[in-house]
Amino acid sequence: MNRKVHFSEGINKCPRCGKEFEVTIIYDNFPGGRETEGVWCPYCYFLGYIITSGLPETHKITG
């Protein structure tokens, strides 16, 4: 069974590799409705989704 995984802005944990990464939204002021955008885990490239009117970016968390 293949189901969509939804991420949110901020810190997320990948369901495939278990690593944490950050999602930030840039230009979140485009006029119009929100759309579903693809978001990739920066470690294992697992595809998830986020609903936004901007452009999502993912970043590895370094400690």
N, C-alpha and C. Protein backbone atom coordinates (compact mmCIF):
# COMPACT_ATOMS: atom_id res chain seq x y z
N MET A 1 0.85 -1.18 0.00
CA MET A 1 0.00 0.00 0.00
C MET A 1 0.89 1.24 0.00
N ASN A 2 0.65 2.14 -0.92
CA ASN A 2 1.44 3.36 -1.04
C ASN A 2 0.56 4.54 -0.66
N ARG A 3 0.89 5.20 0.45
CA ARG A 3 0.08 6.33 0.88
C ARG A 3 0.93 7.59 0.93
N LYS A 4 0.30 8.74 0.81
CA LYS A 4 1.02 10.00 0.85
C LYS A 4 1.41 10.33 2.28
N VAL A 5 2.63 10.78 2.45
CA VAL A 5 3.11 11.25 3.73
C VAL A 5 3.19 12.76 3.66
N HIS A 6 2.56 13.42 4.62
CA HIS A 6 2.54 14.87 4.65
C HIS A 6 3.52 15.39 5.70
N PHE A 7 4.37 16.32 5.28
CA PHE A 7 5.29 16.99 6.18
C PHE A 7 4.74 18.37 6.49
N SER A 8 5.32 19.04 7.48
CA SER A 8 4.91 20.39 7.83
C SER A 8 6.13 21.29 7.89
N GLU A 9 5.90 22.58 7.95
CA GLU A 9 7.02 23.51 8.06
C GLU A 9 7.68 23.33 9.42
N GLY A 10 8.99 23.35 9.44
CA GLY A 10 9.74 23.14 10.68
C GLY A 10 10.47 21.80 10.64
N ILE A 11 10.68 21.22 11.83
CA ILE A 11 11.43 19.97 11.95
C ILE A 11 10.51 18.78 11.66
N ASN A 12 10.96 17.88 10.81
CA ASN A 12 10.22 16.67 10.45
C ASN A 12 11.12 15.46 10.60
N LYS A 13 10.53 14.30 10.77
CA LYS A 13 11.28 13.05 10.84
C LYS A 13 10.86 12.18 9.67
N CYS A 14 11.83 11.71 8.90
CA CYS A 14 11.54 10.89 7.72
C CYS A 14 11.03 9.52 8.16
N PRO A 15 9.93 9.05 7.60
CA PRO A 15 9.42 7.72 7.97
C PRO A 15 10.27 6.58 7.41
N ARG A 16 11.09 6.85 6.39
CA ARG A 16 11.91 5.80 5.81
C ARG A 16 13.25 5.64 6.55
N CYS A 17 14.02 6.73 6.66
CA CYS A 17 15.36 6.61 7.25
C CYS A 17 15.41 7.02 8.72
N GLY A 18 14.38 7.71 9.21
CA GLY A 18 14.31 8.09 10.62
C GLY A 18 15.11 9.33 10.99
N LYS A 19 15.75 9.98 10.04
CA LYS A 19 16.55 11.17 10.34
C LYS A 19 15.66 12.41 10.30
N GLU A 20 16.07 13.41 11.09
CA GLU A 20 15.32 14.65 11.13
C GLU A 20 15.87 15.65 10.12
N PHE A 21 14.97 16.42 9.55
CA PHE A 21 15.35 17.48 8.62
C PHE A 21 14.37 18.63 8.79
N GLU A 22 14.75 19.79 8.26
CA GLU A 22 13.92 20.98 8.40
C GLU A 22 13.32 21.38 7.06
N VAL A 23 12.06 21.75 7.10
CA VAL A 23 11.37 22.26 5.91
C VAL A 23 11.09 23.74 6.14
N THR A 24 11.55 24.58 5.22
CA THR A 24 11.23 26.00 5.27
C THR A 24 10.46 26.37 4.00
N ILE A 25 9.63 27.36 4.13
CA ILE A 25 8.82 27.83 3.00
C ILE A 25 9.31 29.22 2.61
N ILE A 26 9.66 29.38 1.34
CA ILE A 26 10.05 30.70 0.86
C ILE A 26 8.95 31.23 -0.07
N TYR A 27 8.84 32.53 -0.10
CA TYR A 27 7.83 33.20 -0.93
C TYR A 27 6.43 32.66 -0.64
N ASP A 28 6.08 32.62 0.64
CA ASP A 28 4.76 32.08 1.02
C ASP A 28 3.68 33.16 0.93
N ASN A 29 3.77 34.02 -0.04
CA ASN A 29 2.77 35.07 -0.20
C ASN A 29 2.25 35.15 -1.63
N PHE A 30 2.37 34.06 -2.38
CA PHE A 30 1.82 34.04 -3.73
C PHE A 30 0.30 34.14 -3.63
N PRO A 31 -0.32 34.94 -4.47
CA PRO A 31 -1.77 35.02 -4.44
C PRO A 31 -2.39 33.72 -4.96
N GLY A 32 -3.57 33.44 -4.48
CA GLY A 32 -4.25 32.23 -4.93
C GLY A 32 -4.29 31.19 -3.84
N GLY A 33 -4.84 30.04 -4.19
CA GLY A 33 -5.00 28.98 -3.21
C GLY A 33 -3.73 28.21 -2.94
N ARG A 34 -3.79 27.42 -1.93
CA ARG A 34 -2.66 26.57 -1.57
C ARG A 34 -2.67 25.32 -2.45
N GLU A 35 -1.49 24.80 -2.71
CA GLU A 35 -1.35 23.60 -3.53
C GLU A 35 -0.47 22.59 -2.82
N THR A 36 -0.57 21.34 -3.24
CA THR A 36 0.29 20.30 -2.70
C THR A 36 1.60 20.29 -3.47
N GLU A 37 2.70 20.42 -2.73
CA GLU A 37 4.04 20.44 -3.34
C GLU A 37 4.83 19.24 -2.83
N GLY A 38 5.69 18.70 -3.66
CA GLY A 38 6.55 17.60 -3.26
C GLY A 38 7.72 18.08 -2.42
N VAL A 39 8.06 17.31 -1.39
CA VAL A 39 9.19 17.62 -0.51
C VAL A 39 10.03 16.35 -0.37
N TRP A 40 11.34 16.45 -0.64
CA TRP A 40 12.23 15.29 -0.58
C TRP A 40 13.02 15.29 0.70
N CYS A 41 13.17 14.13 1.34
CA CYS A 41 14.08 13.98 2.47
C CYS A 41 15.50 14.19 1.93
N PRO A 42 16.31 15.08 2.53
CA PRO A 42 17.64 15.33 2.00
C PRO A 42 18.63 14.20 2.25
N TYR A 43 18.25 13.19 3.02
CA TYR A 43 19.13 12.07 3.32
C TYR A 43 18.87 10.88 2.40
N CYS A 44 17.62 10.44 2.30
CA CYS A 44 17.32 9.23 1.53
C CYS A 44 16.42 9.51 0.33
N TYR A 45 16.04 10.76 0.14
CA TYR A 45 15.22 11.21 -1.01
C TYR A 45 13.83 10.59 -1.03
N PHE A 46 13.29 10.31 0.15
CA PHE A 46 11.90 9.87 0.28
C PHE A 46 11.00 11.05 -0.07
N LEU A 47 10.00 10.82 -0.89
CA LEU A 47 9.10 11.89 -1.33
C LEU A 47 7.91 12.00 -0.40
N GLY A 48 7.73 13.19 0.16
CA GLY A 48 6.55 13.51 0.95
C GLY A 48 5.90 14.75 0.35
N TYR A 49 4.88 15.24 1.01
CA TYR A 49 4.12 16.37 0.47
C TYR A 49 3.86 17.41 1.54
N ILE A 50 3.70 18.64 1.10
CA ILE A 50 3.33 19.74 1.98
C ILE A 50 2.34 20.62 1.23
N ILE A 51 1.39 21.18 1.95
CA ILE A 51 0.40 22.07 1.33
C ILE A 51 0.83 23.50 1.62
N THR A 52 1.11 24.26 0.57
CA THR A 52 1.61 25.62 0.73
C THR A 52 1.31 26.44 -0.52
N SER A 53 1.37 27.77 -0.37
CA SER A 53 1.29 28.63 -1.54
C SER A 53 2.68 29.12 -1.92
N GLY A 54 3.70 28.71 -1.17
CA GLY A 54 5.08 29.12 -1.45
C GLY A 54 5.89 27.97 -2.02
N LEU A 55 7.20 28.10 -1.91
CA LEU A 55 8.12 27.09 -2.42
C LEU A 55 8.83 26.42 -1.24
N PRO A 56 8.67 25.11 -1.05
CA PRO A 56 9.31 24.45 0.07
C PRO A 56 10.78 24.12 -0.21
N GLU A 57 11.61 24.23 0.82
CA GLU A 57 13.01 23.84 0.76
C GLU A 57 13.29 22.91 1.93
N THR A 58 14.15 21.91 1.73
CA THR A 58 14.54 21.04 2.82
C THR A 58 16.02 21.23 3.14
N HIS A 59 16.35 21.07 4.43
CA HIS A 59 17.71 21.26 4.88
C HIS A 59 18.07 20.16 5.88
N LYS A 60 19.29 19.66 5.75
CA LYS A 60 19.79 18.71 6.74
C LYS A 60 20.03 19.43 8.06
N ILE A 61 19.79 18.75 9.15
CA ILE A 61 20.06 19.32 10.46
C ILE A 61 21.45 18.85 10.88
N THR A 62 22.33 19.81 11.11
CA THR A 62 23.68 19.48 11.54
C THR A 62 23.83 19.86 13.00
N GLY A 63 24.49 19.04 13.74
CA GLY A 63 24.61 19.30 15.18
C GLY A 63 25.98 19.37 15.55
